[in-house]
Amino acid sequence: MTDSPIREGPDASAPIPPDPAEYDTERNAAARARGLSAPYIAGGRDPDPEPARREERFLLKVLLVMVAVIVLSGFVLGVLANLIRAGGA
């Protein structure tokens, strides 16, 4: 079993117990300032951010390809329109 706070299995929806070492972090101070009943906000820092970074890099590449296709399709359509117009005159 790992020390990860992520729970799997039938008790996945059970609340995570508070961590005394995390009591004075920014998130907990903000929770107490808002008057929340628990001194700990479930969630927090991602223990393994690399899969998210890989997905973000992939999605950035997809975004750049989409932008390039949109920009280049304008040029292609402009050239086709000029060829059609020149051929019909």
PDB file of N, CA and C in Angstrom:
ATOM      1  N   MET A   1       0.844  -1.172   0.000  1.00  0.00           N
ATOM      2  CA  MET A   1       0.000   0.000   0.000  1.00  0.00           C
ATOM      3  C   MET A   1       0.887   1.231   0.000  1.00  0.00           C
ATOM      4  N   THR A   2       0.526   2.256  -0.757  1.00  0.00           N
ATOM      5  CA  THR A   2       1.314   3.477  -0.822  1.00  0.00           C
ATOM      6  C   THR A   2       0.825   4.485   0.201  1.00  0.00           C
ATOM      7  N   ASP A   3       1.601   5.543   0.388  1.00  0.00           N
ATOM      8  CA  ASP A   3       1.222   6.611   1.304  1.00  0.00           C
ATOM      9  C   ASP A   3       0.381   7.669   0.610  1.00  0.00           C
ATOM     10  N   SER A   4      -0.058   7.416  -0.591  1.00  0.00           N
ATOM     11  CA  SER A   4      -0.821   8.387  -1.370  1.00  0.00           C
ATOM     12  C   SER A   4      -2.186   8.624  -0.736  1.00  0.00           C
ATOM     13  N   PRO A   5      -2.651   9.899  -0.709  1.00  0.00           N
ATOM     14  CA  PRO A   5      -3.974  10.173  -0.147  1.00  0.00           C
ATOM     15  C   PRO A   5      -5.107   9.789  -1.088  1.00  0.00           C
ATOM     16  N   ILE A   6      -4.794   9.362  -2.300  1.00  0.00           N
ATOM     17  CA  ILE A   6      -5.826   8.959  -3.250  1.00  0.00           C
ATOM     18  C   ILE A   6      -6.359   7.597  -2.825  1.00  0.00           C
ATOM     19  N   ARG A   7      -7.663   7.513  -2.732  1.00  0.00           N
ATOM     20  CA  ARG A   7      -8.270   6.257  -2.297  1.00  0.00           C
ATOM     21  C   ARG A   7      -8.910   5.557  -3.475  1.00  0.00           C
ATOM     22  N   GLU A   8      -8.757   4.266  -3.498  1.00  0.00           N
ATOM     23  CA  GLU A   8      -9.365   3.445  -4.539  1.00  0.00           C
ATOM     24  C   GLU A   8     -10.164   2.347  -3.873  1.00  0.00           C
ATOM     25  N   GLY A   9     -11.112   1.798  -4.598  1.00  0.00           N
ATOM     26  CA  GLY A   9     -11.885   0.686  -4.072  1.00  0.00           C
ATOM     27  C   GLY A   9     -13.237   1.130  -3.571  1.00  0.00           C
ATOM     28  N   PRO A  10     -13.897   0.251  -2.795  1.00  0.00           N
ATOM     29  CA  PRO A  10     -15.264   0.531  -2.363  1.00  0.00           C
ATOM     30  C   PRO A  10     -15.375   1.722  -1.411  1.00  0.00           C
ATOM     31  N   ASP A  11     -14.321   2.042  -0.664  1.00  0.00           N
ATOM     32  CA  ASP A  11     -14.408   3.167   0.265  1.00  0.00           C
ATOM     33  C   ASP A  11     -13.797   4.439  -0.322  1.00  0.00           C
ATOM     34  N   ALA A  12     -13.799   4.575  -1.657  1.00  0.00           N
ATOM     35  CA  ALA A  12     -13.188   5.728  -2.322  1.00  0.00           C
ATOM     36  C   ALA A  12     -13.885   7.029  -1.965  1.00  0.00           C
ATOM     37  N   SER A  13     -15.166   6.978  -1.612  1.00  0.00           N
ATOM     38  CA  SER A  13     -15.876   8.208  -1.290  1.00  0.00           C
ATOM     39  C   SER A  13     -15.741   8.584   0.184  1.00  0.00           C
ATOM     40  N   ALA A  14     -15.104   7.768   0.972  1.00  0.00           N
ATOM     41  CA  ALA A  14     -14.930   8.075   2.396  1.00  0.00           C
ATOM     42  C   ALA A  14     -14.013   9.278   2.540  1.00  0.00           C
ATOM     43  N   PRO A  15     -14.302  10.167   3.470  1.00  0.00           N
ATOM     44  CA  PRO A  15     -13.467  11.364   3.624  1.00  0.00           C
ATOM     45  C   PRO A  15     -12.061  11.005   4.089  1.00  0.00           C
ATOM     46  N   ILE A  16     -11.112  11.792   3.634  1.00  0.00           N
ATOM     47  CA  ILE A  16      -9.719  11.588   4.009  1.00  0.00           C
ATOM     48  C   ILE A  16      -9.513  12.248   5.366  1.00  0.00           C
ATOM     49  N   PRO A  17      -8.905  11.566   6.313  1.00  0.00           N
ATOM     50  CA  PRO A  17      -8.714  12.175   7.638  1.00  0.00           C
ATOM     51  C   PRO A  17      -7.737  13.351   7.558  1.00  0.00           C
ATOM     52  N   PRO A  18      -7.876  14.323   8.443  1.00  0.00           N
ATOM     53  CA  PRO A  18      -6.979  15.477   8.434  1.00  0.00           C
ATOM     54  C   PRO A  18      -5.536  15.068   8.686  1.00  0.00           C
ATOM     55  N   ASP A  19      -4.632  15.799   8.097  1.00  0.00           N
ATOM     56  CA  ASP A  19      -3.203  15.547   8.266  1.00  0.00           C
ATOM     57  C   ASP A  19      -2.629  16.656   9.152  1.00  0.00           C
ATOM     58  N   PRO A  20      -2.178  16.349  10.362  1.00  0.00           N
ATOM     59  CA  PRO A  20      -1.667  17.397  11.252  1.00  0.00           C
ATOM     60  C   PRO A  20      -0.490  18.164  10.658  1.00  0.00           C
ATOM     61  N   ALA A  21       0.306  17.518   9.827  1.00  0.00           N
ATOM     62  CA  ALA A  21       1.447  18.213   9.223  1.00  0.00           C
ATOM     63  C   ALA A  21       0.993  19.274   8.231  1.00  0.00           C
ATOM     64  N   GLU A  22      -0.198  19.137   7.695  1.00  0.00           N
ATOM     65  CA  GLU A  22      -0.721  20.086   6.712  1.00  0.00           C
ATOM     66  C   GLU A  22      -1.572  21.180   7.355  1.00  0.00           C
ATOM     67  N   TYR A  23      -1.669  21.203   8.670  1.00  0.00           N
ATOM     68  CA  TYR A  23      -2.600  22.103   9.348  1.00  0.00           C
ATOM     69  C   TYR A  23      -2.302  23.571   9.070  1.00  0.00           C
ATOM     70  N   ASP A  24      -1.052  23.960   8.976  1.00  0.00           N
ATOM     71  CA  ASP A  24      -0.697  25.366   8.823  1.00  0.00           C
ATOM     72  C   ASP A  24      -0.412  25.773   7.380  1.00  0.00           C
ATOM     73  N   THR A  25      -0.775  24.967   6.416  1.00  0.00           N
ATOM     74  CA  THR A  25      -0.551  25.355   5.027  1.00  0.00           C
ATOM     75  C   THR A  25      -1.532  26.442   4.612  1.00  0.00           C
ATOM     76  N   GLU A  26      -1.275  27.053   3.454  1.00  0.00           N
ATOM     77  CA  GLU A  26      -2.126  28.135   2.950  1.00  0.00           C
ATOM     78  C   GLU A  26      -3.579  27.689   2.792  1.00  0.00           C
ATOM     79  N   ARG A  27      -3.765  26.497   2.257  1.00  0.00           N
ATOM     80  CA  ARG A  27      -5.125  26.004   2.020  1.00  0.00           C
ATOM     81  C   ARG A  27      -5.903  25.860   3.318  1.00  0.00           C
ATOM     82  N   ASN A  28      -5.242  25.351   4.348  1.00  0.00           N
ATOM     83  CA  ASN A  28      -5.936  25.155   5.622  1.00  0.00           C
ATOM     84  C   ASN A  28      -6.203  26.476   6.325  1.00  0.00           C
ATOM     85  N   ALA A  29      -5.249  27.402   6.225  1.00  0.00           N
ATOM     86  CA  ALA A  29      -5.475  28.714   6.830  1.00  0.00           C
ATOM     87  C   ALA A  29      -6.657  29.392   6.149  1.00  0.00           C
ATOM     88  N   ALA A  30      -6.751  29.268   4.835  1.00  0.00           N
ATOM     89  CA  ALA A  30      -7.883  29.859   4.112  1.00  0.00           C
ATOM     90  C   ALA A  30      -9.185  29.176   4.494  1.00  0.00           C
ATOM     91  N   ALA A  31      -9.156  27.859   4.694  1.00  0.00           N
ATOM     92  CA  ALA A  31     -10.365  27.138   5.089  1.00  0.00           C
ATOM     93  C   ALA A  31     -10.834  27.602   6.457  1.00  0.00           C
ATOM     94  N   ARG A  32      -9.910  27.748   7.389  1.00  0.00           N
ATOM     95  CA  ARG A  32     -10.293  28.217   8.722  1.00  0.00           C
ATOM     96  C   ARG A  32     -10.799  29.651   8.678  1.00  0.00           C
ATOM     97  N   ALA A  33     -10.199  30.492   7.812  1.00  0.00           N
ATOM     98  CA  ALA A  33     -10.633  31.887   7.696  1.00  0.00           C
ATOM     99  C   ALA A  33     -12.062  31.972   7.154  1.00  0.00           C
ATOM    100  N   ARG A  34     -12.466  31.035   6.334  1.00  0.00           N
ATOM    101  CA  ARG A  34     -13.825  31.025   5.785  1.00  0.00           C
ATOM    102  C   ARG A  34     -14.809  30.340   6.724  1.00  0.00           C
ATOM    103  N   GLY A  35     -14.315  29.820   7.814  1.00  0.00           N
ATOM    104  CA  GLY A  35     -15.200  29.204   8.794  1.00  0.00           C
ATOM    105  C   GLY A  35     -15.633  27.802   8.442  1.00  0.00           C
ATOM    106  N   LEU A  36     -14.858  27.097   7.627  1.00  0.00           N
ATOM    107  CA  LEU A  36     -15.214  25.722   7.290  1.00  0.00           C
ATOM    108  C   LEU A  36     -15.057  24.836   8.518  1.00  0.00           C
ATOM    109  N   SER A  37     -15.862  23.785   8.575  1.00  0.00           N
ATOM    110  CA  SER A  37     -15.857  22.924   9.755  1.00  0.00           C
ATOM    111  C   SER A  37     -14.601  22.062   9.842  1.00  0.00           C
ATOM    112  N   ALA A  38     -13.966  21.770   8.729  1.00  0.00           N
ATOM    113  CA  ALA A  38     -12.772  20.929   8.738  1.00  0.00           C
ATOM    114  C   ALA A  38     -11.542  21.796   8.504  1.00  0.00           C
ATOM    115  N   PRO A  39     -10.467  21.514   9.234  1.00  0.00           N
ATOM    116  CA  PRO A  39      -9.258  22.308   9.039  1.00  0.00           C
ATOM    117  C   PRO A  39      -8.472  21.895   7.804  1.00  0.00           C
ATOM    118  N   TYR A  40      -8.973  20.960   7.034  1.00  0.00           N
ATOM    119  CA  TYR A  40      -8.239  20.439   5.883  1.00  0.00           C
ATOM    120  C   TYR A  40      -9.165  20.392   4.682  1.00  0.00           C
ATOM    121  N   ILE A  41      -8.714  20.942   3.569  1.00  0.00           N
ATOM    122  CA  ILE A  41      -9.487  20.882   2.330  1.00  0.00           C
ATOM    123  C   ILE A  41      -8.968  19.679   1.546  1.00  0.00           C
ATOM    124  N   ALA A  42      -9.836  18.736   1.257  1.00  0.00           N
ATOM    125  CA  ALA A  42      -9.413  17.550   0.508  1.00  0.00           C
ATOM    126  C   ALA A  42      -8.888  17.969  -0.854  1.00  0.00           C
ATOM    127  N   GLY A  43      -7.868  17.343  -1.294  1.00  0.00           N
ATOM    128  CA  GLY A  43      -7.235  17.703  -2.559  1.00  0.00           C
ATOM    129  C   GLY A  43      -5.828  18.187  -2.255  1.00  0.00           C
ATOM    130  N   GLY A  44      -5.345  19.078  -3.054  1.00  0.00           N
ATOM    131  CA  GLY A  44      -4.035  19.658  -2.764  1.00  0.00           C
ATOM    132  C   GLY A  44      -3.061  19.418  -3.878  1.00  0.00           C
ATOM    133  N   ARG A  45      -1.833  19.319  -3.522  1.00  0.00           N
ATOM    134  CA  ARG A  45      -0.755  19.190  -4.503  1.00  0.00           C
ATOM    135  C   ARG A  45      -0.774  17.802  -5.125  1.00  0.00           C
ATOM    136  N   ASP A  46      -0.536  17.785  -6.431  1.00  0.00           N
ATOM    137  CA  ASP A  46      -0.527  16.529  -7.176  1.00  0.00           C
ATOM    138  C   ASP A  46       0.769  15.784  -6.860  1.00  0.00           C
ATOM    139  N   PRO A  47       0.688  14.554  -6.334  1.00  0.00           N
ATOM    140  CA  PRO A  47       1.910  13.829  -5.992  1.00  0.00           C
ATOM    141  C   PRO A  47       2.681  13.349  -7.218  1.00  0.00           C
ATOM    142  N   ASP A  48       2.018  13.270  -8.373  1.00  0.00           N
ATOM    143  CA  ASP A  48       2.681  12.820  -9.598  1.00  0.00           C
ATOM    144  C   ASP A  48       2.229  13.707 -10.750  1.00  0.00           C
ATOM    145  N   PRO A  49       2.832  14.894 -10.905  1.00  0.00           N
ATOM    146  CA  PRO A  49       2.366  15.835 -11.926  1.00  0.00           C
ATOM    147  C   PRO A  49       2.803  15.485 -13.349  1.00  0.00           C
ATOM    148  N   GLU A  50       3.693  14.539 -13.529  1.00  0.00           N
ATOM    149  CA  GLU A  50       4.224  14.250 -14.863  1.00  0.00           C
ATOM    150  C   GLU A  50       3.161  13.805 -15.868  1.00  0.00           C
ATOM    151  N   PRO A  51       2.198  12.925 -15.521  1.00  0.00           N
ATOM    152  CA  PRO A  51       1.164  12.576 -16.507  1.00  0.00           C
ATOM    153  C   PRO A  51       0.358  13.794 -16.959  1.00  0.00           C
ATOM    154  N   ALA A  52       0.072  14.708 -16.056  1.00  0.00           N
ATOM    155  CA  ALA A  52      -0.662  15.921 -16.432  1.00  0.00           C
ATOM    156  C   ALA A  52       0.184  16.789 -17.352  1.00  0.00           C
ATOM    157  N   ARG A  53       1.472  16.881 -17.075  1.00  0.00           N
ATOM    158  CA  ARG A  53       2.353  17.674 -17.948  1.00  0.00           C
ATOM    159  C   ARG A  53       2.444  17.061 -19.335  1.00  0.00           C
ATOM    160  N   ARG A  54       2.496  15.717 -19.422  1.00  0.00           N
ATOM    161  CA  ARG A  54       2.525  15.055 -20.736  1.00  0.00           C
ATOM    162  C   ARG A  54       1.255  15.370 -21.516  1.00  0.00           C
ATOM    163  N   GLU A  55       0.108  15.301 -20.833  1.00  0.00           N
ATOM    164  CA  GLU A  55      -1.157  15.596 -21.501  1.00  0.00           C
ATOM    165  C   GLU A  55      -1.207  17.050 -21.948  1.00  0.00           C
ATOM    166  N   GLU A  56      -0.706  17.966 -21.130  1.00  0.00           N
ATOM    167  CA  GLU A  56      -0.698  19.380 -21.504  1.00  0.00           C
ATOM    168  C   GLU A  56       0.198  19.618 -22.709  1.00  0.00           C
ATOM    169  N   ARG A  57       1.355  18.950 -22.779  1.00  0.00           N
ATOM    170  CA  ARG A  57       2.229  19.094 -23.949  1.00  0.00           C
ATOM    171  C   ARG A  57       1.542  18.574 -25.196  1.00  0.00           C
ATOM    172  N   PHE A  58       0.864  17.426 -25.075  1.00  0.00           N
ATOM    173  CA  PHE A  58       0.141  16.867 -26.216  1.00  0.00           C
ATOM    174  C   PHE A  58      -0.962  17.823 -26.675  1.00  0.00           C
ATOM    175  N   LEU A  59      -1.725  18.351 -25.726  1.00  0.00           N
ATOM    176  CA  LEU A  59      -2.816  19.257 -26.085  1.00  0.00           C
ATOM    177  C   LEU A  59      -2.292  20.568 -26.668  1.00  0.00           C
ATOM    178  N   LEU A  60      -1.116  21.029 -26.229  1.00  0.00           N
ATOM    179  CA  LEU A  60      -0.508  22.216 -26.815  1.00  0.00           C
ATOM    180  C   LEU A  60      -0.156  21.965 -28.273  1.00  0.00           C
ATOM    181  N   LYS A  61       0.385  20.775 -28.563  1.00  0.00           N
ATOM    182  CA  LYS A  61       0.712  20.431 -29.952  1.00  0.00           C
ATOM    183  C   LYS A  61      -0.560  20.387 -30.796  1.00  0.00           C
ATOM    184  N   VAL A  62      -1.627  19.792 -30.267  1.00  0.00           N
ATOM    185  CA  VAL A  62      -2.899  19.738 -30.995  1.00  0.00           C
ATOM    186  C   VAL A  62      -3.408  21.145 -31.258  1.00  0.00           C
ATOM    187  N   LEU A  63      -3.323  22.025 -30.281  1.00  0.00           N
ATOM    188  CA  LEU A  63      -3.765  23.402 -30.443  1.00  0.00           C
ATOM    189  C   LEU A  63      -2.967  24.116 -31.525  1.00  0.00           C
ATOM    190  N   LEU A  64      -1.652  23.947 -31.514  1.00  0.00           N
ATOM    191  CA  LEU A  64      -0.815  24.596 -32.526  1.00  0.00           C
ATOM    192  C   LEU A  64      -1.126  24.073 -33.921  1.00  0.00           C
ATOM    193  N   VAL A  65      -1.373  22.775 -34.046  1.00  0.00           N
ATOM    194  CA  VAL A  65      -1.736  22.213 -35.352  1.00  0.00           C
ATOM    195  C   VAL A  65      -3.076  22.774 -35.818  1.00  0.00           C
ATOM    196  N   MET A  66      -4.036  22.887 -34.907  1.00  0.00           N
ATOM    197  CA  MET A  66      -5.349  23.435 -35.280  1.00  0.00           C
ATOM    198  C   MET A  66      -5.219  24.879 -35.744  1.00  0.00           C
ATOM    199  N   VAL A  67      -4.426  25.687 -35.060  1.00  0.00           N
ATOM    200  CA  VAL A  67      -4.230  27.084 -35.461  1.00  0.00           C
ATOM    201  C   VAL A  67      -3.565  27.137 -36.829  1.00  0.00           C
ATOM    202  N   ALA A  68      -2.548  26.307 -37.055  1.00  0.00           N
ATOM    203  CA  ALA A  68      -1.866  26.289 -38.345  1.00  0.00           C
ATOM    204  C   ALA A  68      -2.823  25.884 -39.465  1.00  0.00           C
ATOM    205  N   VAL A  69      -3.671  24.892 -39.223  1.00  0.00           N
ATOM    206  CA  VAL A  69      -4.636  24.461 -40.241  1.00  0.00           C
ATOM    207  C   VAL A  69      -5.617  25.584 -40.562  1.00  0.00           C
ATOM    208  N   ILE A  70      -6.094  26.280 -39.554  1.00  0.00           N
ATOM    209  CA  ILE A  70      -7.051  27.365 -39.792  1.00  0.00           C
ATOM    210  C   ILE A  70      -6.397  28.488 -40.590  1.00  0.00           C
ATOM    211  N   VAL A  71      -5.184  28.889 -40.224  1.00  0.00           N
ATOM    212  CA  VAL A  71      -4.503  29.981 -40.924  1.00  0.00           C
ATOM    213  C   VAL A  71      -4.170  29.565 -42.354  1.00  0.00           C
ATOM    214  N   LEU A  72      -3.613  28.366 -42.512  1.00  0.00           N
ATOM    215  CA  LEU A  72      -3.227  27.928 -43.855  1.00  0.00           C
ATOM    216  C   LEU A  72      -4.440  27.673 -44.747  1.00  0.00           C
ATOM    217  N   SER A  73      -5.560  27.255 -44.167  1.00  0.00           N
ATOM    218  CA  SER A  73      -6.751  27.043 -44.997  1.00  0.00           C
ATOM    219  C   SER A  73      -7.244  28.360 -45.570  1.00  0.00           C
ATOM    220  N   GLY A  74      -7.056  29.457 -44.881  1.00  0.00           N
ATOM    221  CA  GLY A  74      -7.410  30.772 -45.437  1.00  0.00           C
ATOM    222  C   GLY A  74      -6.574  31.083 -46.660  1.00  0.00           C
ATOM    223  N   PHE A  75      -5.280  30.801 -46.613  1.00  0.00           N
ATOM    224  CA  PHE A  75      -4.422  31.017 -47.776  1.00  0.00           C
ATOM    225  C   PHE A  75      -4.822  30.114 -48.935  1.00  0.00           C
ATOM    226  N   VAL A  76      -5.077  28.845 -48.644  1.00  0.00           N
ATOM    227  CA  VAL A  76      -5.455  27.893 -49.697  1.00  0.00           C
ATOM    228  C   VAL A  76      -6.766  28.317 -50.351  1.00  0.00           C
ATOM    229  N   LEU A  77      -7.750  28.693 -49.560  1.00  0.00           N
ATOM    230  CA  LEU A  77      -9.022  29.135 -50.126  1.00  0.00           C
ATOM    231  C   LEU A  77      -8.855  30.419 -50.930  1.00  0.00           C
ATOM    232  N   GLY A  78      -7.991  31.326 -50.496  1.00  0.00           N
ATOM    233  CA  GLY A  78      -7.723  32.547 -51.254  1.00  0.00           C
ATOM    234  C   GLY A  78      -7.077  32.241 -52.593  1.00  0.00           C
ATOM    235  N   VAL A  79      -6.118  31.333 -52.610  1.00  0.00           N
ATOM    236  CA  VAL A  79      -5.461  30.951 -53.870  1.00  0.00           C
ATOM    237  C   VAL A  79      -6.465  30.281 -54.796  1.00  0.00           C
ATOM    238  N   LEU A  80      -7.290  29.385 -54.273  1.00  0.00           N
ATOM    239  CA  LEU A  80      -8.303  28.722 -55.100  1.00  0.00           C
ATOM    240  C   LEU A  80      -9.298  29.739 -55.671  1.00  0.00           C
ATOM    241  N   ALA A  81      -9.710  30.678 -54.864  1.00  0.00           N
ATOM    242  CA  ALA A  81     -10.646  31.699 -55.343  1.00  0.00           C
ATOM    243  C   ALA A  81     -10.017  32.522 -56.454  1.00  0.00           C
ATOM    244  N   ASN A  82      -8.750  32.870 -56.317  1.00  0.00           N
ATOM    245  CA  ASN A  82      -8.068  33.630 -57.379  1.00  0.00           C
ATOM    246  C   ASN A  82      -7.906  32.795 -58.646  1.00  0.00           C
ATOM    247  N   LEU A  83      -7.610  31.509 -58.510  1.00  0.00           N
ATOM    248  CA  LEU A  83      -7.474  30.643 -59.681  1.00  0.00           C
ATOM    249  C   LEU A  83      -8.819  30.486 -60.396  1.00  0.00           C
ATOM    250  N   ILE A  84      -9.882  30.323 -59.649  1.00  0.00           N
ATOM    251  CA  ILE A  84     -11.205  30.184 -60.246  1.00  0.00           C
ATOM    252  C   ILE A  84     -11.604  31.487 -60.951  1.00  0.00           C
ATOM    253  N   ARG A  85     -11.358  32.609 -60.291  1.00  0.00           N
ATOM    254  CA  ARG A  85     -11.703  33.900 -60.849  1.00  0.00           C
ATOM    255  C   ARG A  85     -10.893  34.181 -62.117  1.00  0.00           C
ATOM    256  N   ALA A  86      -9.583  33.840 -62.115  1.00  0.00           N
ATOM    257  CA  ALA A  86      -8.720  34.063 -63.275  1.00  0.00           C
ATOM    258  C   ALA A  86      -9.084  33.122 -64.408  1.00  0.00           C
ATOM    259  N   GLY A  87      -9.508  31.906 -64.080  1.00  0.00           N
ATOM    260  CA  GLY A  87      -9.861  30.934 -65.120  1.00  0.00           C
ATOM    261  C   GLY A  87     -11.211  31.267 -65.773  1.00  0.00           C
ATOM    262  N   GLY A  88     -12.097  31.910 -65.057  1.00  0.00           N
ATOM    263  CA  GLY A  88     -13.415  32.238 -65.593  1.00  0.00           C
ATOM    264  C   GLY A  88     -13.418  33.544 -66.391  1.00  0.00           C
ATOM    265  N   ALA A  89     -12.383  34.351 -66.285  1.00  0.00           N
ATOM    266  CA  ALA A  89     -12.354  35.652 -66.973  1.00  0.00           C
ATOM    267  C   ALA A  89     -11.824  35.585 -68.351  1.00  0.00           C
TER     268      ALA A  89
END
